[in-house]
Amino acid sequence: MSVYGGFGTGGSGMSGPMQGSPAPNEHETVGAYALGILDDAEATAFESHLATCEWCAQQLDELAGMEPMLAALADLPGSGTPAIGESLSAKPSPRLAEKLVDEVSERRAVKRRRGFYLVAAAAALIIGGPLTVLATTGGSDDSGNMAAGPAQTAFQTMTDKKSATDPATHVTATVAMEKKDWGTHAVLQLKNVTGPEKCSLIAVGKNGERETVTSWSVPNWGYGLPNAKTEEAKNPLYVHGGAAFTPNEIDHFEVMTFDGKRLVEVDS
């Protein structure tokens, strides 16, 4: 019997050009190719080799039809053990079966690790978005200047702005608005608010209907506090969102906490 690199098959032996042990790097891929677990580049390279290799062609013929069985076994707990190998109903040898199952498991593990890295990279990009927005309230770029996020940039370019300060809470809010085909794009600048708190900007229509434009959390240090010890607490908060109302349908805006306290009201 000849077993080579985990992918040879048992039998009565080979003769002529197929005797002996072929170079490992070229021939050890036949089992993985038969199972369909090579990536495109690996499969293309092996197919070029297969066109001129009688030994690999014979191994591929003998392995044909085993992929569904081995693929299922590779997902079972304890795959690759002698018990799994010996349970195969049609096998060239227990040793071959064990090696094939091990190869499937290892390659699938590699692909799972690659997938994990891609997910982690995507998560890092997603998380990076909110961090950029937070920088507008307390961060700075490499030159020491404040980094402006999308909400602050939009606020600075809008011309229709309304402001108000609540006499009881002393919270100051400025709402910038612009008309869109779908309704109203609104940006809120919020000052003199302390945390921790969870808040929403509510658009109240002239018909009495209420729509939540956007929501956010206020950290312990707060936003827009002139006497704060840190720059992040001195800077105002900028958040933006949208309402289905058109600007002329809005009566006023309210900044509300999640527990129903109104911090400030801004007439439209």
Protein backbone atom coordinates (compact mmCIF):
# COMPACT_ATOMS: atom_id res chain seq x y z
CA MET A 1 0.00 0.00 0.00
CA SER A 2 1.18 3.50 -0.73
CA VAL A 3 -0.01 6.45 1.33
CA TYR A 4 1.57 9.75 0.38
CA GLY A 5 1.20 13.00 2.29
CA GLY A 6 -2.21 11.98 3.59
CA PHE A 7 -3.75 11.84 0.12
CA GLY A 8 -2.53 8.58 -1.45
CA THR A 9 -4.76 5.55 -1.60
CA GLY A 10 -4.23 1.92 -0.79
CA GLY A 11 -4.21 -0.83 -3.38
CA SER A 12 -2.11 -3.45 -5.01
CA GLY A 13 0.68 -0.99 -5.72
CA MET A 14 1.70 1.11 -8.70
CA SER A 15 4.05 0.52 -11.54
CA GLY A 16 5.93 2.50 -14.16
CA PRO A 17 6.02 6.29 -13.74
CA MET A 18 3.71 6.21 -10.69
CA GLN A 19 6.05 4.20 -8.40
CA GLY A 20 7.99 5.90 -5.63
CA SER A 21 7.16 9.04 -3.71
CA PRO A 22 6.43 12.16 -5.78
CA ALA A 23 7.54 15.61 -4.64
CA PRO A 24 5.33 16.56 -1.66
CA ASN A 25 4.50 20.14 -2.50
CA GLU A 26 2.94 19.24 -5.84
CA HIS A 27 1.08 16.07 -4.93
CA GLU A 28 -0.25 16.60 -1.41
CA THR A 29 -3.09 18.81 -2.68
CA VAL A 30 -5.04 16.10 -4.49
CA GLY A 31 -7.22 15.24 -1.47
CA ALA A 32 -8.12 18.87 -0.77
CA TYR A 33 -8.90 19.39 -4.48
CA ALA A 34 -11.19 16.34 -4.49
CA LEU A 35 -13.05 17.76 -1.50
CA GLY A 36 -13.48 21.16 -3.16
CA ILE A 37 -11.91 23.16 -0.33
CA LEU A 38 -9.10 24.88 -2.23
CA ASP A 39 -9.40 28.57 -2.95
CA ASP A 40 -9.34 29.75 -6.59
CA ALA A 41 -5.59 30.32 -6.77
CA GLU A 42 -4.77 26.94 -5.19
CA ALA A 43 -7.21 25.10 -7.44
CA THR A 44 -5.81 26.74 -10.59
CA ALA A 45 -2.24 25.85 -9.62
CA PHE A 46 -3.16 22.23 -8.91
CA GLU A 47 -5.10 21.85 -12.17
CA SER A 48 -2.00 22.94 -14.09
CA HIS A 49 -0.03 20.24 -12.28
CA LEU A 50 -2.79 17.64 -12.72
CA ALA A 51 -2.67 17.97 -16.52
CA THR A 52 0.81 16.40 -16.59
CA CYS A 53 0.73 14.10 -13.54
CA GLU A 54 -0.59 10.55 -14.01
CA TRP A 55 -0.09 9.77 -10.32
CA CYS A 56 -2.38 12.62 -9.15
CA ALA A 57 -4.95 11.78 -11.84
CA GLN A 58 -5.22 8.23 -10.47
CA GLN A 59 -5.54 9.49 -6.88
CA LEU A 60 -8.29 11.90 -7.94
CA ASP A 61 -10.23 9.08 -9.62
CA GLU A 62 -10.01 6.94 -6.46
CA LEU A 63 -11.15 9.79 -4.22
CA ALA A 64 -14.11 10.77 -6.42
CA GLY A 65 -17.44 10.57 -4.61
CA MET A 66 -16.01 10.74 -1.06
CA GLU A 67 -16.50 14.53 -0.56
CA PRO A 68 -20.03 14.53 0.95
CA MET A 69 -19.13 11.80 3.44
CA LEU A 70 -15.85 13.37 4.50
CA ALA A 71 -17.30 16.87 4.65
CA ALA A 72 -19.99 15.68 7.05
CA LEU A 73 -17.46 13.82 9.18
CA ALA A 74 -15.22 16.87 9.40
CA ASP A 75 -17.99 18.77 11.21
CA LEU A 76 -18.56 16.09 13.85
CA PRO A 77 -17.05 16.43 17.36
CA GLY A 78 -13.84 14.43 17.60
CA SER A 79 -13.36 14.34 13.83
CA GLY A 80 -10.03 12.99 12.74
CA THR A 81 -9.91 10.31 15.44
CA PRO A 82 -9.31 6.62 14.62
CA ALA A 83 -12.94 5.88 15.50
CA ILE A 84 -14.19 8.27 12.81
CA GLY A 85 -11.70 6.95 10.27
CA GLU A 86 -12.64 3.32 10.89
CA SER A 87 -16.38 4.07 10.64
CA LEU A 88 -16.16 4.90 6.94
CA SER A 89 -18.14 2.32 5.02
CA ALA A 90 -15.99 2.57 1.89
CA LYS A 91 -12.38 3.46 2.56
CA PRO A 92 -9.01 2.65 1.03
CA SER A 93 -7.55 2.43 4.57
CA PRO A 94 -8.26 3.75 8.08
CA ARG A 95 -5.06 5.78 7.94
CA LEU A 96 -6.11 7.50 4.72
CA ALA A 97 -9.57 8.32 6.06
CA GLU A 98 -8.12 9.87 9.22
CA LYS A 99 -5.72 12.02 7.22
CA LEU A 100 -8.42 13.21 4.83
CA VAL A 101 -10.76 14.18 7.64
CA ASP A 102 -7.93 16.00 9.41
CA GLU A 103 -7.15 17.90 6.22
CA VAL A 104 -10.76 19.04 5.81
CA SER A 105 -10.94 20.16 9.44
CA GLU A 106 -7.67 22.07 9.26
CA ARG A 107 -8.56 23.90 6.04
CA ARG A 108 -11.99 24.81 7.37
CA ALA A 109 -10.35 26.15 10.55
CA VAL A 110 -8.06 28.32 8.41
CA LYS A 111 -11.05 29.68 6.47
CA ARG A 112 -12.92 30.39 9.73
CA ARG A 113 -9.91 32.32 11.04
CA ARG A 114 -9.72 34.33 7.82
CA GLY A 115 -13.43 35.09 8.10
CA PHE A 116 -12.98 36.21 11.70
CA TYR A 117 -10.24 38.65 10.72
CA LEU A 118 -12.43 40.13 8.00
CA VAL A 119 -15.33 40.56 10.44
CA ALA A 120 -12.99 42.16 12.98
CA ALA A 121 -11.69 44.59 10.37
CA ALA A 122 -15.24 45.51 9.34
CA ALA A 123 -16.20 46.02 12.99
CA ALA A 124 -13.23 48.33 13.47
CA LEU A 125 -14.38 50.46 10.55
CA ILE A 126 -17.94 50.60 11.88
CA ILE A 127 -16.77 51.54 15.37
CA GLY A 128 -14.50 54.19 13.87
CA GLY A 129 -17.53 56.13 12.58
CA PRO A 130 -19.00 57.08 15.98
CA LEU A 131 -15.53 57.88 17.31
CA THR A 132 -15.13 60.51 14.62
CA VAL A 133 -18.39 62.12 15.65
CA LEU A 134 -17.40 62.07 19.31
CA ALA A 135 -14.19 63.88 18.42
CA THR A 136 -16.24 66.95 17.51
CA THR A 137 -17.18 67.33 21.16
CA GLY A 138 -13.83 66.77 22.80
CA GLY A 139 -11.14 65.42 20.48
CA SER A 140 -8.51 67.06 18.36
CA ASP A 141 -6.51 66.28 15.26
CA ASP A 142 -2.71 65.97 15.12
CA SER A 143 -2.28 69.73 14.73
CA GLY A 144 -4.22 70.45 17.91
CA ASN A 145 -7.28 71.81 16.12
CA MET A 146 -10.72 70.47 16.89
CA ALA A 147 -11.83 67.73 14.50
CA ALA A 148 -15.18 68.53 12.91
CA GLY A 149 -17.54 65.61 12.27
CA PRO A 150 -20.41 65.37 9.79
CA ALA A 151 -23.01 66.82 12.19
CA GLN A 152 -20.91 69.86 13.10
CA THR A 153 -19.97 70.46 9.47
CA ALA A 154 -23.62 70.33 8.41
CA PHE A 155 -24.57 72.66 11.27
CA GLN A 156 -22.02 75.24 10.15
CA THR A 157 -23.29 75.26 6.57
CA MET A 158 -27.01 75.58 7.39
CA THR A 159 -28.56 79.06 7.49
CA ASP A 160 -31.97 78.34 9.06
CA LYS A 161 -31.22 78.13 12.81
CA LYS A 162 -33.33 78.63 15.92
CA SER A 163 -32.02 78.84 19.52
CA ALA A 164 -33.42 78.81 23.03
CA THR A 165 -32.24 78.49 26.66
CA ASP A 166 -34.46 76.96 29.31
CA PRO A 167 -34.66 79.23 32.38
CA ALA A 168 -34.95 76.28 34.77
CA THR A 169 -32.45 73.76 33.38
CA HIS A 170 -30.15 76.38 31.78
CA VAL A 171 -29.70 74.02 28.83
CA THR A 172 -29.13 75.83 25.52
CA ALA A 173 -30.13 74.29 22.21
CA THR A 174 -29.77 75.52 18.64
CA VAL A 175 -31.54 73.61 15.88
CA ALA A 176 -30.43 74.03 12.27
CA MET A 177 -32.85 72.88 9.57
CA GLU A 178 -32.90 72.28 5.84
CA LYS A 179 -35.72 71.04 3.64
CA LYS A 180 -35.33 67.67 1.94
CA ASP A 181 -37.54 65.80 -0.51
CA TRP A 182 -38.31 63.34 2.28
CA GLY A 183 -38.92 65.96 5.00
CA THR A 184 -36.50 67.92 7.22
CA HIS A 185 -32.83 67.38 7.99
CA ALA A 186 -32.14 68.79 11.47
CA VAL A 187 -28.87 69.29 13.36
CA LEU A 188 -28.83 70.00 17.09
CA GLN A 189 -26.14 71.92 18.95
CA LEU A 190 -26.54 71.32 22.68
CA LYS A 191 -24.80 73.21 25.51
CA ASN A 192 -24.74 73.26 29.29
CA VAL A 193 -26.10 69.74 29.69
CA THR A 194 -24.79 67.38 32.38
CA GLY A 195 -24.76 63.58 32.52
CA PRO A 196 -25.20 60.77 32.73
CA GLU A 197 -28.38 61.08 30.72
CA LYS A 198 -30.15 59.69 27.65
CA CYS A 199 -31.97 62.21 25.49
CA SER A 200 -33.94 62.65 22.28
CA LEU A 201 -34.70 65.55 19.97
CA ILE A 202 -38.43 65.62 19.26
CA ALA A 203 -40.06 67.51 16.40
CA VAL A 204 -43.59 68.60 17.28
CA GLY A 205 -45.85 69.31 14.32
CA LYS A 206 -48.40 72.06 14.05
CA ASN A 207 -50.98 69.27 13.99
CA GLY A 208 -49.77 68.05 17.39
CA GLU A 209 -47.95 64.95 16.13
CA ARG A 210 -44.53 64.17 17.59
CA GLU A 211 -41.57 62.60 15.79
CA THR A 212 -38.21 61.54 17.24
CA VAL A 213 -35.47 63.13 15.13
CA THR A 214 -32.48 61.54 16.89
CA SER A 215 -31.32 60.16 20.26
CA TRP A 216 -27.98 60.14 22.14
CA SER A 217 -26.31 59.60 25.50
CA VAL A 218 -24.71 62.32 27.63
CA PRO A 219 -21.63 61.01 29.49
CA ASN A 220 -20.76 61.93 33.07
CA TRP A 221 -18.71 64.97 32.06
CA GLY A 222 -21.53 66.57 30.05
CA TYR A 223 -21.40 68.89 27.02
CA GLY A 224 -20.99 72.61 26.47
CA LEU A 225 -20.09 73.45 30.08
CA PRO A 226 -18.10 76.75 30.05
CA ASN A 227 -16.43 76.17 33.41
CA ALA A 228 -15.54 72.51 32.83
CA LYS A 229 -11.98 71.33 33.50
CA THR A 230 -11.64 69.37 30.25
CA GLU A 231 -11.99 70.44 26.65
CA GLU A 232 -14.35 67.57 25.85
CA ALA A 233 -16.78 68.83 28.49
CA LYS A 234 -16.48 72.44 27.30
CA ASN A 235 -17.37 71.57 23.72
CA PRO A 236 -21.03 71.42 22.67
CA LEU A 237 -22.67 68.27 21.37
CA TYR A 238 -23.65 68.03 17.70
CA VAL A 239 -26.14 65.38 16.57
CA HIS A 240 -28.33 65.19 13.48
CA GLY A 241 -31.31 63.28 12.20
CA GLY A 242 -34.44 63.61 10.11
CA ALA A 243 -38.18 64.09 10.40
CA ALA A 244 -40.98 63.36 7.95
CA PHE A 245 -42.37 66.85 8.61
CA THR A 246 -41.40 69.59 6.19
CA PRO A 247 -39.89 72.64 7.96
CA ASN A 248 -43.12 74.66 7.66
CA GLU A 249 -45.08 71.81 9.29
CA ILE A 250 -42.95 71.90 12.47
CA ASP A 251 -44.19 74.01 15.37
CA HIS A 252 -41.22 73.49 17.71
CA PHE A 253 -38.50 71.11 18.88
CA GLU A 254 -38.07 69.63 22.34
CA VAL A 255 -34.99 68.08 23.93
CA MET A 256 -36.36 65.36 26.22
CA THR A 257 -34.74 62.86 28.56
CA PHE A 258 -35.78 59.24 28.27
CA ASP A 259 -37.63 59.51 31.58
CA GLY A 260 -39.84 62.34 30.21
CA LYS A 261 -38.09 65.49 31.48
CA ARG A 262 -37.99 68.40 29.02
CA LEU A 263 -34.59 70.09 29.04
CA VAL A 264 -35.31 72.84 26.52
CA GLU A 265 -37.85 73.84 23.86
CA VAL A 266 -36.92 75.56 20.60
CA ASP A 267 -39.56 77.28 18.44
CA SER A 268 -39.34 76.53 14.75
